[in-house]
């Protein structure tokens, strides 16, 4: 069982003298901050009256081990929410939003900030055709402006999980995804379209 530190910023095992820590993306270790985890989950709960962010956060933390990565912590939150779908269907939306946030961060961590960036990365790694790359390069301003990230919020968890696992392009070396769901849909549209207006309509 875990007990919260009096400063509210860490969890400490009853049988261990040291604070539970997580490893950040840059490799540094910091104490598990319960407040940050609850706030992260709570941000994804807007409009979901039947979900309990504290329940998700505390269950996720109980599965942590000292030195776990923030990526593993994020995955624990997603998995915890998904396991509660049987009790309350709204947890599907929460799990989807947590996964969407996870995907966005994974893409941004590779310095991909736009649809055009994702296409460049994909082309450089041999994942896209030259014709698609050139089409996007010529029309990148209009195509990037047409991306609407909020549309990903229409997904339930299992739909978004399928897109993430099977359809988003991955860096061949790191296996990290290099596109968000909306970049994926735009990439497919560009492959089917004859001109930029048609791609945006698709």
N, C-alpha and C. Protein backbone atom coordinates (compact mmCIF):
# COMPACT_ATOMS: atom_id res chain seq x y z
N UNK A 1 0.84 -1.19 0.00
CA UNK A 1 0.00 0.00 0.00
C UNK A 1 0.88 1.24 0.00
N UNK A 2 0.37 2.36 -0.58
CA UNK A 2 1.17 3.56 -0.69
C UNK A 2 0.58 4.67 0.16
N UNK A 3 1.45 5.44 0.78
CA UNK A 3 1.00 6.58 1.59
C UNK A 3 1.51 7.86 0.98
N UNK A 4 0.66 8.90 0.95
CA UNK A 4 1.09 10.17 0.37
C UNK A 4 2.00 10.90 1.33
N UNK A 5 3.07 11.50 0.80
CA UNK A 5 3.97 12.32 1.59
C UNK A 5 3.23 13.54 2.11
N UNK A 6 3.67 14.08 3.23
CA UNK A 6 3.00 15.24 3.82
C UNK A 6 3.09 16.47 2.93
N UNK A 7 4.09 16.54 2.04
CA UNK A 7 4.18 17.69 1.15
C UNK A 7 3.30 17.57 -0.07
N UNK A 8 2.60 16.42 -0.22
CA UNK A 8 1.65 16.25 -1.30
C UNK A 8 2.29 15.98 -2.65
N UNK A 9 3.60 15.80 -2.70
CA UNK A 9 4.27 15.66 -3.99
C UNK A 9 4.85 14.29 -4.23
N UNK A 10 4.69 13.36 -3.31
CA UNK A 10 5.26 12.06 -3.55
C UNK A 10 4.50 10.97 -2.85
N UNK A 11 4.74 9.74 -3.27
CA UNK A 11 4.19 8.58 -2.59
C UNK A 11 5.34 7.76 -2.07
N UNK A 12 5.16 7.21 -0.88
CA UNK A 12 6.23 6.44 -0.24
C UNK A 12 5.68 5.10 0.19
N UNK A 13 6.38 4.05 -0.14
CA UNK A 13 5.97 2.71 0.26
C UNK A 13 6.11 2.56 1.77
N UNK A 14 5.16 1.82 2.37
CA UNK A 14 5.23 1.59 3.81
C UNK A 14 6.49 0.80 4.19
N UNK A 15 6.96 -0.02 3.27
CA UNK A 15 8.11 -0.87 3.57
C UNK A 15 9.41 -0.33 2.99
N UNK A 16 9.37 0.90 2.46
CA UNK A 16 10.56 1.46 1.82
C UNK A 16 10.78 2.88 2.31
N UNK A 17 12.05 3.24 2.63
CA UNK A 17 12.32 4.56 3.17
C UNK A 17 12.36 5.67 2.12
N UNK A 18 12.37 5.31 0.83
CA UNK A 18 12.54 6.35 -0.18
C UNK A 18 11.23 6.63 -0.92
N UNK A 19 11.17 7.79 -1.50
CA UNK A 19 9.98 8.24 -2.21
C UNK A 19 9.90 7.56 -3.57
N UNK A 20 8.70 7.17 -3.97
CA UNK A 20 8.49 6.61 -5.30
C UNK A 20 8.79 7.68 -6.34
N UNK A 21 9.60 7.32 -7.35
CA UNK A 21 10.01 8.29 -8.37
C UNK A 21 9.64 7.79 -9.77
N UNK A 22 9.50 8.74 -10.69
CA UNK A 22 9.28 8.41 -12.10
C UNK A 22 10.40 9.04 -12.92
N UNK A 23 10.69 8.40 -14.05
CA UNK A 23 11.73 8.89 -14.94
C UNK A 23 11.09 9.72 -16.05
N UNK A 24 11.51 10.97 -16.17
CA UNK A 24 10.99 11.87 -17.19
C UNK A 24 11.61 11.55 -18.55
N UNK A 25 11.09 12.22 -19.60
CA UNK A 25 11.56 11.95 -20.96
C UNK A 25 13.05 12.26 -21.12
N UNK A 26 13.56 13.22 -20.33
CA UNK A 26 14.97 13.57 -20.45
C UNK A 26 15.87 12.67 -19.61
N UNK A 27 15.28 11.68 -18.95
CA UNK A 27 16.06 10.72 -18.19
C UNK A 27 16.22 11.05 -16.71
N UNK A 28 15.81 12.23 -16.29
CA UNK A 28 15.92 12.60 -14.88
C UNK A 28 14.79 11.97 -14.07
N UNK A 29 15.05 11.78 -12.78
CA UNK A 29 14.05 11.21 -11.88
C UNK A 29 13.44 12.29 -11.02
N UNK A 30 12.15 12.17 -10.77
CA UNK A 30 11.47 13.10 -9.87
C UNK A 30 10.42 12.33 -9.07
N UNK A 31 10.08 12.83 -7.85
CA UNK A 31 9.06 12.14 -7.06
C UNK A 31 7.72 12.10 -7.79
N UNK A 32 6.98 11.03 -7.59
CA UNK A 32 5.63 10.95 -8.17
C UNK A 32 4.78 12.06 -7.56
N UNK A 33 4.25 12.91 -8.40
CA UNK A 33 3.42 14.03 -7.96
C UNK A 33 1.96 13.67 -8.21
N UNK A 34 1.27 13.32 -7.12
CA UNK A 34 -0.13 12.90 -7.23
C UNK A 34 -0.99 14.00 -7.81
N UNK A 35 -0.72 15.22 -7.41
CA UNK A 35 -1.52 16.36 -7.87
C UNK A 35 -1.46 16.48 -9.39
N UNK A 36 -0.26 16.35 -9.95
CA UNK A 36 -0.10 16.46 -11.40
C UNK A 36 -0.89 15.38 -12.13
N UNK A 37 -0.85 14.16 -11.58
CA UNK A 37 -1.54 13.04 -12.22
C UNK A 37 -3.05 13.26 -12.18
N UNK A 38 -3.55 13.68 -11.01
CA UNK A 38 -4.99 13.94 -10.89
C UNK A 38 -5.41 15.06 -11.84
N UNK A 39 -4.60 16.13 -11.91
CA UNK A 39 -4.92 17.25 -12.80
C UNK A 39 -4.92 16.82 -14.26
N UNK A 40 -3.99 15.97 -14.63
CA UNK A 40 -3.91 15.49 -16.01
C UNK A 40 -5.17 14.70 -16.38
N UNK A 41 -5.59 13.81 -15.48
CA UNK A 41 -6.80 13.03 -15.74
C UNK A 41 -8.03 13.93 -15.72
N UNK A 42 -8.08 14.87 -14.76
CA UNK A 42 -9.24 15.75 -14.63
C UNK A 42 -9.45 16.59 -15.88
N UNK A 43 -8.35 17.05 -16.51
CA UNK A 43 -8.47 17.85 -17.74
C UNK A 43 -9.20 17.08 -18.84
N UNK A 44 -9.11 15.77 -18.80
CA UNK A 44 -9.74 14.94 -19.83
C UNK A 44 -11.18 14.55 -19.47
N UNK A 45 -11.66 15.03 -18.33
CA UNK A 45 -12.98 14.62 -17.83
C UNK A 45 -14.08 15.64 -18.12
N UNK A 46 -13.77 16.69 -18.86
CA UNK A 46 -14.77 17.72 -19.12
C UNK A 46 -16.01 17.13 -19.77
N UNK A 47 -17.16 17.39 -19.16
CA UNK A 47 -18.42 16.90 -19.70
C UNK A 47 -18.73 15.46 -19.36
N UNK A 48 -17.85 14.80 -18.62
CA UNK A 48 -18.06 13.40 -18.25
C UNK A 48 -18.44 13.32 -16.78
N UNK A 49 -19.72 13.42 -16.50
CA UNK A 49 -20.20 13.55 -15.12
C UNK A 49 -20.05 12.26 -14.32
N UNK A 50 -19.98 11.13 -15.00
CA UNK A 50 -20.00 9.85 -14.28
C UNK A 50 -18.61 9.26 -14.03
N UNK A 51 -17.55 9.98 -14.36
CA UNK A 51 -16.21 9.44 -14.14
C UNK A 51 -15.56 10.11 -12.94
N UNK A 52 -14.66 9.38 -12.30
CA UNK A 52 -13.97 9.86 -11.10
C UNK A 52 -12.47 9.92 -11.39
N UNK A 53 -11.93 11.11 -11.66
CA UNK A 53 -10.50 11.21 -12.00
C UNK A 53 -9.58 10.74 -10.88
N UNK A 54 -9.97 10.98 -9.65
CA UNK A 54 -9.13 10.56 -8.52
C UNK A 54 -9.03 9.04 -8.46
N UNK A 55 -10.12 8.37 -8.77
CA UNK A 55 -10.11 6.91 -8.78
C UNK A 55 -9.13 6.37 -9.82
N UNK A 56 -9.16 6.97 -11.00
CA UNK A 56 -8.27 6.54 -12.07
C UNK A 56 -6.81 6.81 -11.69
N UNK A 57 -6.55 8.01 -11.16
CA UNK A 57 -5.17 8.39 -10.81
C UNK A 57 -4.60 7.49 -9.72
N UNK A 58 -5.38 7.24 -8.66
CA UNK A 58 -4.87 6.44 -7.54
C UNK A 58 -4.67 4.98 -7.95
N UNK A 59 -5.56 4.45 -8.78
CA UNK A 59 -5.39 3.07 -9.25
C UNK A 59 -4.14 2.96 -10.13
N UNK A 60 -3.91 3.97 -10.97
CA UNK A 60 -2.73 3.96 -11.82
C UNK A 60 -1.46 4.01 -10.99
N UNK A 61 -1.44 4.86 -9.99
CA UNK A 61 -0.26 5.01 -9.14
C UNK A 61 0.05 3.70 -8.39
N UNK A 62 -1.00 2.98 -8.01
CA UNK A 62 -0.78 1.73 -7.27
C UNK A 62 -0.06 0.68 -8.12
N UNK A 63 -0.07 0.85 -9.44
CA UNK A 63 0.63 -0.08 -10.32
C UNK A 63 2.04 0.34 -10.67
N UNK A 64 2.48 1.47 -10.12
CA UNK A 64 3.82 1.98 -10.42
C UNK A 64 4.90 1.26 -9.64
N UNK A 65 6.12 1.35 -10.14
CA UNK A 65 7.29 0.91 -9.40
C UNK A 65 8.31 2.04 -9.44
N UNK A 66 9.23 2.04 -8.51
CA UNK A 66 10.21 3.12 -8.44
C UNK A 66 11.08 3.12 -9.69
N UNK A 67 11.16 4.28 -10.35
CA UNK A 67 11.95 4.40 -11.56
C UNK A 67 11.17 4.17 -12.84
N UNK A 68 9.86 3.95 -12.72
CA UNK A 68 9.03 3.79 -13.92
C UNK A 68 9.06 5.08 -14.72
N UNK A 69 8.86 4.98 -16.02
CA UNK A 69 8.89 6.16 -16.87
C UNK A 69 7.53 6.87 -16.86
N UNK A 70 7.55 8.14 -17.23
CA UNK A 70 6.29 8.88 -17.34
C UNK A 70 5.41 8.26 -18.43
N UNK A 71 6.04 7.67 -19.44
CA UNK A 71 5.29 6.97 -20.49
C UNK A 71 4.52 5.79 -19.90
N UNK A 72 5.17 5.05 -19.00
CA UNK A 72 4.49 3.93 -18.35
C UNK A 72 3.36 4.42 -17.46
N UNK A 73 3.56 5.54 -16.79
CA UNK A 73 2.52 6.12 -15.96
C UNK A 73 1.32 6.52 -16.81
N UNK A 74 1.58 7.16 -17.94
CA UNK A 74 0.50 7.55 -18.85
C UNK A 74 -0.28 6.32 -19.31
N UNK A 75 0.44 5.27 -19.65
CA UNK A 75 -0.21 4.04 -20.10
C UNK A 75 -1.04 3.41 -18.99
N UNK A 76 -0.56 3.50 -17.77
CA UNK A 76 -1.33 2.97 -16.64
C UNK A 76 -2.64 3.72 -16.47
N UNK A 77 -2.61 5.03 -16.65
CA UNK A 77 -3.85 5.83 -16.56
C UNK A 77 -4.83 5.43 -17.66
N UNK A 78 -4.32 5.26 -18.88
CA UNK A 78 -5.17 4.86 -20.01
C UNK A 78 -5.77 3.48 -19.75
N UNK A 79 -4.95 2.53 -19.33
CA UNK A 79 -5.42 1.17 -19.09
C UNK A 79 -6.42 1.13 -17.95
N UNK A 80 -6.16 1.92 -16.89
CA UNK A 80 -7.07 1.95 -15.75
C UNK A 80 -8.44 2.45 -16.18
N UNK A 81 -8.47 3.54 -16.94
CA UNK A 81 -9.75 4.07 -17.41
C UNK A 81 -10.47 3.06 -18.30
N UNK A 82 -9.72 2.39 -19.17
CA UNK A 82 -10.34 1.43 -20.09
C UNK A 82 -10.94 0.24 -19.35
N UNK A 83 -10.32 -0.15 -18.24
CA UNK A 83 -10.83 -1.29 -17.46
C UNK A 83 -12.12 -0.95 -16.71
N UNK A 84 -12.43 0.33 -16.61
CA UNK A 84 -13.65 0.75 -15.91
C UNK A 84 -14.83 0.95 -16.86
N UNK A 85 -14.61 0.72 -18.16
CA UNK A 85 -15.67 0.93 -19.14
C UNK A 85 -16.87 0.02 -18.87
N UNK A 86 -16.61 -1.19 -18.38
CA UNK A 86 -17.68 -2.12 -18.08
C UNK A 86 -18.60 -1.62 -16.97
N UNK A 87 -18.06 -0.81 -16.06
CA UNK A 87 -18.85 -0.25 -14.98
C UNK A 87 -19.61 1.00 -15.42
N UNK A 88 -18.94 1.82 -16.24
CA UNK A 88 -19.52 3.10 -16.67
C UNK A 88 -18.99 3.43 -18.07
N UNK A 89 -19.88 3.47 -19.08
CA UNK A 89 -19.45 3.71 -20.47
C UNK A 89 -18.67 5.00 -20.69
N UNK A 90 -18.89 6.03 -19.84
CA UNK A 90 -18.18 7.29 -20.03
C UNK A 90 -16.67 7.14 -19.87
N UNK A 91 -16.23 6.08 -19.21
CA UNK A 91 -14.79 5.86 -19.07
C UNK A 91 -14.15 5.58 -20.43
N UNK A 92 -14.95 5.18 -21.42
CA UNK A 92 -14.42 4.98 -22.76
C UNK A 92 -13.97 6.32 -23.35
N UNK A 93 -14.75 7.37 -23.12
CA UNK A 93 -14.37 8.70 -23.60
C UNK A 93 -13.14 9.20 -22.86
N UNK A 94 -13.08 8.96 -21.57
CA UNK A 94 -11.92 9.38 -20.79
C UNK A 94 -10.66 8.66 -21.28
N UNK A 95 -10.75 7.35 -21.46
CA UNK A 95 -9.59 6.59 -21.94
C UNK A 95 -9.14 7.07 -23.31
N UNK A 96 -10.11 7.40 -24.16
CA UNK A 96 -9.79 7.90 -25.50
C UNK A 96 -9.08 9.25 -25.42
N UNK A 97 -9.54 10.11 -24.56
CA UNK A 97 -8.91 11.43 -24.42
C UNK A 97 -7.51 11.31 -23.85
N UNK A 98 -7.32 10.42 -22.89
CA UNK A 98 -5.99 10.20 -22.33
C UNK A 98 -5.05 9.65 -23.41
N UNK A 99 -5.56 8.74 -24.22
CA UNK A 99 -4.75 8.18 -25.31
C UNK A 99 -4.44 9.25 -26.35
N UNK A 100 -5.42 10.09 -26.66
CA UNK A 100 -5.20 11.17 -27.63
C UNK A 100 -4.09 12.12 -27.14
N UNK A 101 -4.11 12.45 -25.86
CA UNK A 101 -3.07 13.30 -25.28
C UNK A 101 -1.71 12.61 -25.37
N UNK A 102 -1.69 11.33 -25.10
CA UNK A 102 -0.46 10.54 -25.17
C UNK A 102 0.11 10.55 -26.59
N UNK A 103 -0.76 10.36 -27.59
CA UNK A 103 -0.33 10.36 -28.99
C UNK A 103 0.23 11.73 -29.37
N UNK A 104 -0.49 12.80 -28.99
CA UNK A 104 -0.03 14.16 -29.31
C UNK A 104 1.37 14.40 -28.76
N UNK A 105 1.61 13.97 -27.52
CA UNK A 105 2.91 14.19 -26.89
C UNK A 105 3.99 13.35 -27.56
N UNK A 106 3.64 12.14 -27.96
CA UNK A 106 4.61 11.27 -28.64
C UNK A 106 5.04 11.89 -29.97
N UNK A 107 4.08 12.45 -30.69
CA UNK A 107 4.38 13.08 -31.98
C UNK A 107 5.22 14.35 -31.77
N UNK A 108 4.80 15.19 -30.83
CA UNK A 108 5.52 16.45 -30.59
C UNK A 108 6.94 16.22 -30.09
N UNK A 109 7.16 15.13 -29.37
CA UNK A 109 8.49 14.85 -28.82
C UNK A 109 9.52 14.61 -29.92
N UNK A 110 9.04 14.38 -31.15
CA UNK A 110 9.93 14.17 -32.30
C UNK A 110 10.03 15.41 -33.17
N UNK A 111 9.64 16.56 -32.58
CA UNK A 111 9.69 17.85 -33.27
C UNK A 111 8.77 17.89 -34.49
N UNK A 112 7.65 17.20 -34.38
CA UNK A 112 6.62 17.23 -35.42
C UNK A 112 5.47 18.08 -34.91
N UNK A 113 5.33 19.26 -35.50
CA UNK A 113 4.32 20.20 -35.00
C UNK A 113 3.19 20.47 -35.96
N UNK A 114 3.22 19.84 -37.12
CA UNK A 114 2.18 20.09 -38.12
C UNK A 114 2.03 18.87 -39.02
N UNK A 115 0.97 18.87 -39.83
CA UNK A 115 0.76 17.80 -40.80
C UNK A 115 1.93 17.74 -41.78
N UNK A 116 2.40 18.89 -42.23
CA UNK A 116 3.53 18.92 -43.18
C UNK A 116 4.79 18.32 -42.56
N UNK A 117 5.04 18.60 -41.29
CA UNK A 117 6.19 18.02 -40.60
C UNK A 117 6.10 16.49 -40.59
N UNK A 118 4.89 15.97 -40.33
CA UNK A 118 4.69 14.52 -40.28
C UNK A 118 4.96 13.89 -41.64
N UNK A 119 4.52 14.57 -42.70
CA UNK A 119 4.74 14.05 -44.05
C UNK A 119 6.23 14.05 -44.40
N UNK A 120 6.92 15.13 -44.04
CA UNK A 120 8.37 15.18 -44.28
C UNK A 120 9.07 14.03 -43.57
N UNK A 121 8.71 13.83 -42.30
CA UNK A 121 9.31 12.75 -41.52
C UNK A 121 9.02 11.39 -42.15
N UNK A 122 7.78 11.21 -42.58
CA UNK A 122 7.40 9.94 -43.21
C UNK A 122 8.14 9.70 -44.51
N UNK A 123 8.28 10.74 -45.32
CA UNK A 123 8.98 10.62 -46.60
C UNK A 123 10.46 10.32 -46.38
N UNK A 124 11.08 11.00 -45.43
CA UNK A 124 12.50 10.78 -45.15
C UNK A 124 12.78 9.37 -44.64
N UNK A 125 11.77 8.76 -44.03
CA UNK A 125 11.93 7.39 -43.51
C UNK A 125 11.40 6.33 -44.47
N UNK A 126 11.10 6.75 -45.70
CA UNK A 126 10.66 5.80 -46.71
C UNK A 126 9.26 5.26 -46.52
N UNK A 127 8.43 6.01 -45.81
CA UNK A 127 7.08 5.54 -45.51
C UNK A 127 6.01 6.14 -46.43
N UNK A 128 6.39 7.12 -47.24
CA UNK A 128 5.44 7.79 -48.13
C UNK A 128 6.03 7.94 -49.51
N UNK A 129 5.16 8.00 -50.50
CA UNK A 129 5.61 8.15 -51.88
C UNK A 129 6.07 9.57 -52.16
N UNK A 130 6.88 9.72 -53.17
CA UNK A 130 7.36 11.04 -53.56
C UNK A 130 6.21 11.91 -54.07
N UNK A 131 5.25 11.30 -54.77
CA UNK A 131 4.12 12.07 -55.29
C UNK A 131 3.28 12.66 -54.16
N UNK A 132 3.07 11.90 -53.09
CA UNK A 132 2.33 12.42 -51.94
C UNK A 132 3.11 13.53 -51.26
N UNK A 133 4.40 13.31 -51.09
CA UNK A 133 5.25 14.32 -50.47
C UNK A 133 5.19 15.64 -51.25
N UNK A 134 5.29 15.58 -52.58
CA UNK A 134 5.27 16.78 -53.40
C UNK A 134 3.91 17.47 -53.36
N UNK A 135 2.84 16.68 -53.35
CA UNK A 135 1.49 17.23 -53.26
C UNK A 135 1.33 18.04 -51.98
N UNK A 136 1.79 17.47 -50.87
CA UNK A 136 1.68 18.16 -49.58
C UNK A 136 2.59 19.37 -49.53
N UNK A 137 3.80 19.25 -50.08
CA UNK A 137 4.75 20.36 -50.07
C UNK A 137 4.19 21.57 -50.80
N UNK A 138 3.53 21.35 -51.92
CA UNK A 138 2.95 22.45 -52.72
C UNK A 138 1.76 23.08 -52.02
N UNK A 139 0.99 22.26 -51.29
CA UNK A 139 -0.27 22.73 -50.71
C UNK A 139 -0.27 22.76 -49.18
N UNK A 140 0.92 22.78 -48.58
CA UNK A 140 1.01 22.58 -47.13
C UNK A 140 0.28 23.64 -46.31
N UNK A 141 0.27 24.89 -46.75
CA UNK A 141 -0.40 25.94 -45.97
C UNK A 141 -1.89 25.64 -45.82
N UNK A 142 -2.54 25.33 -46.92
CA UNK A 142 -3.98 25.04 -46.89
C UNK A 142 -4.27 23.74 -46.14
N UNK A 143 -3.45 22.74 -46.37
CA UNK A 143 -3.68 21.44 -45.73
C UNK A 143 -3.48 21.52 -44.22
N UNK A 144 -2.44 22.20 -43.79
CA UNK A 144 -2.18 22.34 -42.35
C UNK A 144 -3.28 23.15 -41.67
N UNK A 145 -3.76 24.17 -42.36
CA UNK A 145 -4.82 25.01 -41.79
C UNK A 145 -6.14 24.26 -41.66
N UNK A 146 -6.31 23.23 -42.48
CA UNK A 146 -7.57 22.47 -42.48
C UNK A 146 -7.63 21.39 -41.39
N UNK A 147 -6.51 21.13 -40.74
CA UNK A 147 -6.49 20.12 -39.68
C UNK A 147 -7.31 20.61 -38.49
N UNK A 148 -8.20 19.77 -37.99
CA UNK A 148 -9.05 20.12 -36.84
C UNK A 148 -8.85 19.08 -35.74
N UNK A 149 -7.89 19.30 -34.85
CA UNK A 149 -7.55 18.29 -33.82
C UNK A 149 -8.73 17.88 -32.95
N UNK A 150 -9.68 18.78 -32.72
CA UNK A 150 -10.80 18.48 -31.82
C UNK A 150 -11.64 17.30 -32.33
N UNK A 151 -11.57 17.00 -33.63
CA UNK A 151 -12.37 15.90 -34.17
C UNK A 151 -11.97 14.54 -33.58
N UNK A 152 -10.75 14.44 -33.07
CA UNK A 152 -10.33 13.18 -32.45
C UNK A 152 -11.16 12.87 -31.23
N UNK A 153 -11.77 13.89 -30.63
CA UNK A 153 -12.59 13.68 -29.44
C UNK A 153 -13.88 12.91 -29.75
N UNK A 154 -14.18 12.69 -31.01
CA UNK A 154 -15.36 11.91 -31.37
C UNK A 154 -15.14 10.41 -31.16
N UNK A 155 -13.89 10.01 -31.01
CA UNK A 155 -13.57 8.59 -30.84
C UNK A 155 -13.96 8.07 -29.47
N UNK A 156 -14.44 6.84 -29.44
CA UNK A 156 -14.46 6.05 -28.21
C UNK A 156 -13.09 5.38 -28.11
N UNK A 157 -12.83 4.77 -26.95
CA UNK A 157 -11.49 4.26 -26.70
C UNK A 157 -11.04 3.19 -27.69
N UNK A 158 -11.85 2.17 -27.91
CA UNK A 158 -11.38 1.04 -28.72
C UNK A 158 -11.18 1.44 -30.18
N UNK A 159 -11.96 2.40 -30.66
CA UNK A 159 -11.74 2.90 -32.02
C UNK A 159 -10.41 3.61 -32.14
N UNK A 160 -10.11 4.49 -31.18
CA UNK A 160 -8.85 5.23 -31.23
C UNK A 160 -7.67 4.30 -30.99
N UNK A 161 -7.85 3.32 -30.13
CA UNK A 161 -6.77 2.36 -29.88
C UNK A 161 -6.42 1.61 -31.16
N UNK A 162 -7.44 1.25 -31.94
CA UNK A 162 -7.21 0.54 -33.19
C UNK A 162 -6.44 1.43 -34.18
N UNK A 163 -6.83 2.70 -34.27
CA UNK A 163 -6.13 3.63 -35.15
C UNK A 163 -4.67 3.76 -34.72
N UNK A 164 -4.45 3.91 -33.44
CA UNK A 164 -3.09 4.08 -32.92
C UNK A 164 -2.23 2.83 -33.18
N UNK A 165 -2.79 1.67 -32.89
CA UNK A 165 -2.01 0.43 -32.99
C UNK A 165 -1.76 0.00 -34.44
N UNK A 166 -2.73 0.25 -35.34
CA UNK A 166 -2.67 -0.36 -36.67
C UNK A 166 -2.45 0.60 -37.83
N UNK A 167 -2.85 1.85 -37.67
CA UNK A 167 -2.88 2.71 -38.84
C UNK A 167 -1.93 3.91 -38.83
N UNK A 168 -1.57 4.42 -37.67
CA UNK A 168 -0.66 5.57 -37.63
C UNK A 168 0.75 5.11 -38.01
N UNK A 169 1.40 5.90 -38.86
CA UNK A 169 2.76 5.56 -39.28
C UNK A 169 3.73 5.68 -38.12
N UNK A 170 4.69 4.78 -38.09
CA UNK A 170 5.67 4.75 -36.99
C UNK A 170 7.08 4.93 -37.53
N UNK A 171 7.90 5.62 -36.75
CA UNK A 171 9.31 5.73 -37.07
C UNK A 171 9.91 4.33 -37.08
N UNK A 172 10.58 3.92 -38.17
CA UNK A 172 11.09 2.55 -38.27
C UNK A 172 12.09 2.18 -37.18
N UNK A 173 12.79 3.17 -36.64
CA UNK A 173 13.80 2.89 -35.62
C UNK A 173 13.23 2.91 -34.21
N UNK A 174 12.58 4.02 -33.85
CA UNK A 174 12.07 4.18 -32.48
C UNK A 174 10.72 3.52 -32.26
N UNK A 175 9.98 3.26 -33.34
CA UNK A 175 8.62 2.72 -33.31
C UNK A 175 7.62 3.68 -32.67
N UNK A 176 7.99 4.93 -32.54
CA UNK A 176 7.04 5.94 -32.09
C UNK A 176 6.19 6.41 -33.27
N UNK A 177 4.92 6.71 -33.02
CA UNK A 177 4.08 7.19 -34.11
C UNK A 177 4.52 8.60 -34.51
N UNK A 178 4.43 8.89 -35.80
CA UNK A 178 4.88 10.19 -36.30
C UNK A 178 3.71 11.03 -36.81
N UNK A 179 2.49 10.57 -36.56
CA UNK A 179 1.32 11.33 -36.98
C UNK A 179 0.19 11.15 -35.98
N UNK A 180 -0.64 12.16 -35.86
CA UNK A 180 -1.84 12.09 -35.03
C UNK A 180 -2.97 11.49 -35.86
N UNK A 181 -4.09 11.14 -35.26
CA UNK A 181 -5.21 10.62 -36.05
C UNK A 181 -5.66 11.57 -37.16
N UNK A 182 -5.69 12.88 -36.88
CA UNK A 182 -6.13 13.82 -37.91
C UNK A 182 -5.10 13.96 -39.03
N UNK A 183 -3.82 13.84 -38.72
CA UNK A 183 -2.80 13.83 -39.76
C UNK A 183 -2.97 12.58 -40.63
N UNK A 184 -3.28 11.46 -40.00
CA UNK A 184 -3.50 10.21 -40.73
C UNK A 184 -4.65 10.36 -41.74
N UNK A 185 -5.78 10.92 -41.28
CA UNK A 185 -6.92 11.08 -42.18
C UNK A 185 -6.59 12.02 -43.33
N UNK A 186 -5.85 13.08 -43.04
CA UNK A 186 -5.46 14.01 -44.10
C UNK A 186 -4.49 13.36 -45.07
N UNK A 187 -3.59 12.55 -44.56
CA UNK A 187 -2.65 11.84 -45.44
C UNK A 187 -3.40 10.93 -46.41
N UNK A 188 -4.37 10.20 -45.91
CA UNK A 188 -5.16 9.32 -46.77
C UNK A 188 -5.93 10.14 -47.80
N UNK A 189 -6.52 11.26 -47.35
CA UNK A 189 -7.27 12.13 -48.26
C UNK A 189 -6.39 12.66 -49.38
N UNK A 190 -5.15 13.04 -49.03
CA UNK A 190 -4.22 13.56 -50.04
C UNK A 190 -3.85 12.49 -51.06
N UNK A 191 -3.79 11.24 -50.61
CA UNK A 191 -3.47 10.16 -51.52
C UNK A 191 -4.59 9.86 -52.50
N UNK A 192 -5.82 10.22 -52.12
CA UNK A 192 -6.98 9.95 -52.98
C UNK A 192 -7.36 11.13 -53.86
N UNK A 193 -6.98 12.33 -53.44
CA UNK A 193 -7.47 13.55 -54.09
C UNK A 193 -6.69 13.91 -55.36
N UNK A 194 -7.35 14.65 -56.22
CA UNK A 194 -6.73 15.19 -57.43
C UNK A 194 -6.23 16.61 -57.23
N UNK A 195 -6.78 17.30 -56.21
CA UNK A 195 -6.37 18.67 -55.92
C UNK A 195 -6.58 18.96 -54.45
N UNK A 196 -6.10 20.10 -54.00
CA UNK A 196 -6.13 20.41 -52.57
C UNK A 196 -7.55 20.58 -52.05
N UNK A 197 -8.44 21.18 -52.82
CA UNK A 197 -9.82 21.35 -52.36
C UNK A 197 -10.50 20.00 -52.14
N UNK A 198 -10.23 19.08 -53.03
CA UNK A 198 -10.81 17.74 -52.91
C UNK A 198 -10.26 17.04 -51.69
N UNK A 199 -8.96 17.21 -51.42
CA UNK A 199 -8.36 16.57 -50.24
C UNK A 199 -9.02 17.08 -48.96
N UNK A 200 -9.22 18.38 -48.88
CA UNK A 200 -9.82 18.97 -47.68
C UNK A 200 -11.28 18.51 -47.55
N UNK A 201 -11.98 18.40 -48.66
CA UNK A 201 -13.37 17.93 -48.62
C UNK A 201 -13.43 16.49 -48.13
N UNK A 202 -12.52 15.64 -48.61
CA UNK A 202 -12.46 14.26 -48.14
C UNK A 202 -12.24 14.21 -46.64
